[in-house]
Amino acid sequence: MNSVLERVYEIGIIPVIAFNSVDEAIPLCKALMDGGLPAAEVTFRTACAEECIKKIHEELPNMLLGAGTVLTVDQADRAMAAGASFIVAPGFDPEVCKHVIDKGVS
């Protein structure tokens, strides 16, 4: 089992978040961490998702951080570059899946 999957197993649950503003990211993620949930999946359904992932990754490096609702290789690349440790998609796209695996991300 890889380290990301081990952390998911240890934590037990991954909150899924759709931020409307970058200003929401750090306070909410700090609250999650303070409450014993050092993990979040930030959905790519909002315009600020990429920037939120980057900010969380920079300010809360111990948080297990992923990107959700990833539909394209471009979105996957942007999420990984921003600091996402795992990628979630609402369906199976062989191209996106292979690309993410080839990059070494879960």
C-alpha atoms as a PDB file:
ATOM      1  CA  MET A   1       0.000   0.000   0.000  1.00  0.00           C
ATOM      2  CA  ASN A   2       1.423   3.429  -0.871  1.00  0.00           C
ATOM      3  CA  SER A   3       1.833   6.196   1.712  1.00  0.00           C
ATOM      4  CA  VAL A   4      -1.229   8.175   0.556  1.00  0.00           C
ATOM      5  CA  LEU A   5      -3.480   5.131   0.861  1.00  0.00           C
ATOM      6  CA  GLU A   6      -1.963   4.336   4.250  1.00  0.00           C
ATOM      7  CA  ARG A   7      -2.827   7.845   5.473  1.00  0.00           C
ATOM      8  CA  VAL A   8      -6.371   7.577   4.082  1.00  0.00           C
ATOM      9  CA  TYR A   9      -6.759   4.303   5.969  1.00  0.00           C
ATOM     10  CA  GLU A  10      -5.355   5.832   9.193  1.00  0.00           C
ATOM     11  CA  ILE A  11      -7.550   8.947   8.982  1.00  0.00           C
ATOM     12  CA  GLY A  12     -10.638   6.959   7.998  1.00  0.00           C
ATOM     13  CA  ILE A  13     -12.566   9.709   6.200  1.00  0.00           C
ATOM     14  CA  ILE A  14     -11.785  12.432   3.666  1.00  0.00           C
ATOM     15  CA  PRO A  15     -13.990  15.544   3.813  1.00  0.00           C
ATOM     16  CA  VAL A  16     -14.967  16.806   0.350  1.00  0.00           C
ATOM     17  CA  ILE A  17     -14.913  20.601   0.070  1.00  0.00           C
ATOM     18  CA  ALA A  18     -16.040  23.018  -2.649  1.00  0.00           C
ATOM     19  CA  PHE A  19     -14.573  26.414  -1.817  1.00  0.00           C
ATOM     20  CA  ASN A  20     -16.216  29.586  -3.100  1.00  0.00           C
ATOM     21  CA  SER A  21     -13.257  31.754  -2.104  1.00  0.00           C
ATOM     22  CA  VAL A  22      -9.554  31.271  -1.417  1.00  0.00           C
ATOM     23  CA  ASP A  23     -10.117  33.098   1.872  1.00  0.00           C
ATOM     24  CA  GLU A  24     -12.156  30.119   3.122  1.00  0.00           C
ATOM     25  CA  ALA A  25      -9.412  27.546   2.572  1.00  0.00           C
ATOM     26  CA  ILE A  26      -7.004  27.987   5.480  1.00  0.00           C
ATOM     27  CA  PRO A  27      -9.543  28.624   8.272  1.00  0.00           C
ATOM     28  CA  LEU A  28     -11.615  25.583   7.295  1.00  0.00           C
ATOM     29  CA  CYS A  29      -8.608  23.296   6.880  1.00  0.00           C
ATOM     30  CA  LYS A  30      -7.132  24.463  10.196  1.00  0.00           C
ATOM     31  CA  ALA A  31     -10.469  23.647  11.841  1.00  0.00           C
ATOM     32  CA  LEU A  32     -10.405  20.183  10.266  1.00  0.00           C
ATOM     33  CA  MET A  33      -6.874  19.589  11.533  1.00  0.00           C
ATOM     34  CA  ASP A  34      -7.733  20.903  15.010  1.00  0.00           C
ATOM     35  CA  GLY A  35     -10.675  18.493  15.041  1.00  0.00           C
ATOM     36  CA  GLY A  36      -8.467  15.524  14.189  1.00  0.00           C
ATOM     37  CA  LEU A  37      -9.132  15.384  10.437  1.00  0.00           C
ATOM     38  CA  PRO A  38      -5.855  16.258   8.690  1.00  0.00           C
ATOM     39  CA  ALA A  39      -7.267  15.603   5.213  1.00  0.00           C
ATOM     40  CA  ALA A  40      -9.394  17.207   2.519  1.00  0.00           C
ATOM     41  CA  GLU A  41     -10.459  16.696  -1.065  1.00  0.00           C
ATOM     42  CA  VAL A  42     -10.898  20.050  -2.816  1.00  0.00           C
ATOM     43  CA  THR A  43     -13.294  19.774  -5.743  1.00  0.00           C
ATOM     44  CA  PHE A  44     -12.373  21.298  -9.084  1.00  0.00           C
ATOM     45  CA  ARG A  45     -15.959  22.533  -9.518  1.00  0.00           C
ATOM     46  CA  THR A  46     -15.091  26.119  -8.574  1.00  0.00           C
ATOM     47  CA  ALA A  47     -12.768  28.657 -10.182  1.00  0.00           C
ATOM     48  CA  CYS A  48     -10.646  28.996  -7.047  1.00  0.00           C
ATOM     49  CA  ALA A  49      -9.931  25.270  -6.502  1.00  0.00           C
ATOM     50  CA  GLU A  50      -6.390  25.274  -7.872  1.00  0.00           C
ATOM     51  CA  GLU A  51      -5.401  28.333  -5.853  1.00  0.00           C
ATOM     52  CA  CYS A  52      -6.989  26.853  -2.712  1.00  0.00           C
ATOM     53  CA  ILE A  53      -4.995  23.636  -3.097  1.00  0.00           C
ATOM     54  CA  LYS A  54      -1.788  25.608  -3.545  1.00  0.00           C
ATOM     55  CA  LYS A  55      -2.435  27.780  -0.489  1.00  0.00           C
ATOM     56  CA  ILE A  56      -3.375  24.825   1.721  1.00  0.00           C
ATOM     57  CA  HIS A  57      -0.345  22.854   0.535  1.00  0.00           C
ATOM     58  CA  GLU A  58       1.977  25.778   1.337  1.00  0.00           C
ATOM     59  CA  GLU A  59       0.488  26.725   4.710  1.00  0.00           C
ATOM     60  CA  LEU A  60      -0.556  23.292   6.016  1.00  0.00           C
ATOM     61  CA  PRO A  61       1.997  20.841   4.599  1.00  0.00           C
ATOM     62  CA  ASN A  62       0.965  18.020   6.962  1.00  0.00           C
ATOM     63  CA  MET A  63      -2.588  17.943   5.603  1.00  0.00           C
ATOM     64  CA  LEU A  64      -3.366  15.078   3.236  1.00  0.00           C
ATOM     65  CA  LEU A  65      -4.686  17.056   0.316  1.00  0.00           C
ATOM     66  CA  GLY A  66      -6.365  15.877  -2.845  1.00  0.00           C
ATOM     67  CA  ALA A  67      -8.286  17.219  -5.806  1.00  0.00           C
ATOM     68  CA  GLY A  68     -11.724  15.958  -6.733  1.00  0.00           C
ATOM     69  CA  THR A  69     -14.055  16.211  -9.703  1.00  0.00           C
ATOM     70  CA  VAL A  70     -10.990  16.018 -11.947  1.00  0.00           C
ATOM     71  CA  LEU A  71     -12.195  15.428 -15.493  1.00  0.00           C
ATOM     72  CA  THR A  72      -9.167  16.116 -17.713  1.00  0.00           C
ATOM     73  CA  VAL A  73      -5.420  15.602 -17.898  1.00  0.00           C
ATOM     74  CA  ASP A  74      -5.014  19.391 -17.740  1.00  0.00           C
ATOM     75  CA  GLN A  75      -6.978  19.589 -14.486  1.00  0.00           C
ATOM     76  CA  ALA A  76      -4.946  16.703 -13.064  1.00  0.00           C
ATOM     77  CA  ASP A  77      -1.689  18.446 -13.981  1.00  0.00           C
ATOM     78  CA  ARG A  78      -2.856  21.712 -12.423  1.00  0.00           C
ATOM     79  CA  ALA A  79      -3.981  19.935  -9.252  1.00  0.00           C
ATOM     80  CA  MET A  80      -0.711  18.031  -8.910  1.00  0.00           C
ATOM     81  CA  ALA A  81       1.353  21.167  -9.565  1.00  0.00           C
ATOM     82  CA  ALA A  82      -0.645  22.969  -6.868  1.00  0.00           C
ATOM     83  CA  GLY A  83       0.186  20.244  -4.347  1.00  0.00           C
ATOM     84  CA  ALA A  84      -2.536  17.589  -4.500  1.00  0.00           C
ATOM     85  CA  SER A  85      -1.354  14.190  -3.247  1.00  0.00           C
ATOM     86  CA  PHE A  86      -4.268  12.310  -4.752  1.00  0.00           C
ATOM     87  CA  ILE A  87      -6.769  12.764  -7.571  1.00  0.00           C
ATOM     88  CA  VAL A  88     -10.450  11.774  -7.554  1.00  0.00           C
ATOM     89  CA  ALA A  89     -12.693  11.617 -10.611  1.00  0.00           C
ATOM     90  CA  PRO A  90     -16.458  11.152 -10.802  1.00  0.00           C
ATOM     91  CA  GLY A  91     -15.989   8.506 -13.486  1.00  0.00           C
ATOM     92  CA  PHE A  92     -13.268   6.387 -15.053  1.00  0.00           C
ATOM     93  CA  ASP A  93     -11.308   8.083 -17.815  1.00  0.00           C
ATOM     94  CA  PRO A  94      -8.448   5.795 -18.930  1.00  0.00           C
ATOM     95  CA  GLU A  95      -6.341   8.713 -20.202  1.00  0.00           C
ATOM     96  CA  VAL A  96      -6.577  10.694 -16.956  1.00  0.00           C
ATOM     97  CA  CYS A  97      -6.040   7.587 -14.850  1.00  0.00           C
ATOM     98  CA  LYS A  98      -2.925   6.501 -16.754  1.00  0.00           C
ATOM     99  CA  HIS A  99      -1.525  10.026 -16.707  1.00  0.00           C
ATOM    100  CA  VAL A 100      -1.921  10.374 -12.943  1.00  0.00           C
ATOM    101  CA  ILE A 101      -0.432   6.939 -12.279  1.00  0.00           C
ATOM    102  CA  ASP A 102       2.501   7.704 -14.606  1.00  0.00           C
ATOM    103  CA  LYS A 103       3.141  10.861 -12.548  1.00  0.00           C
ATOM    104  CA  GLY A 104       3.268   8.774  -9.359  1.00  0.00           C
ATOM    105  CA  VAL A 105       0.158  10.278  -7.789  1.00  0.00           C
ATOM    106  CA  SER A 106      -2.659   8.195  -6.315  1.00  0.00           C
END
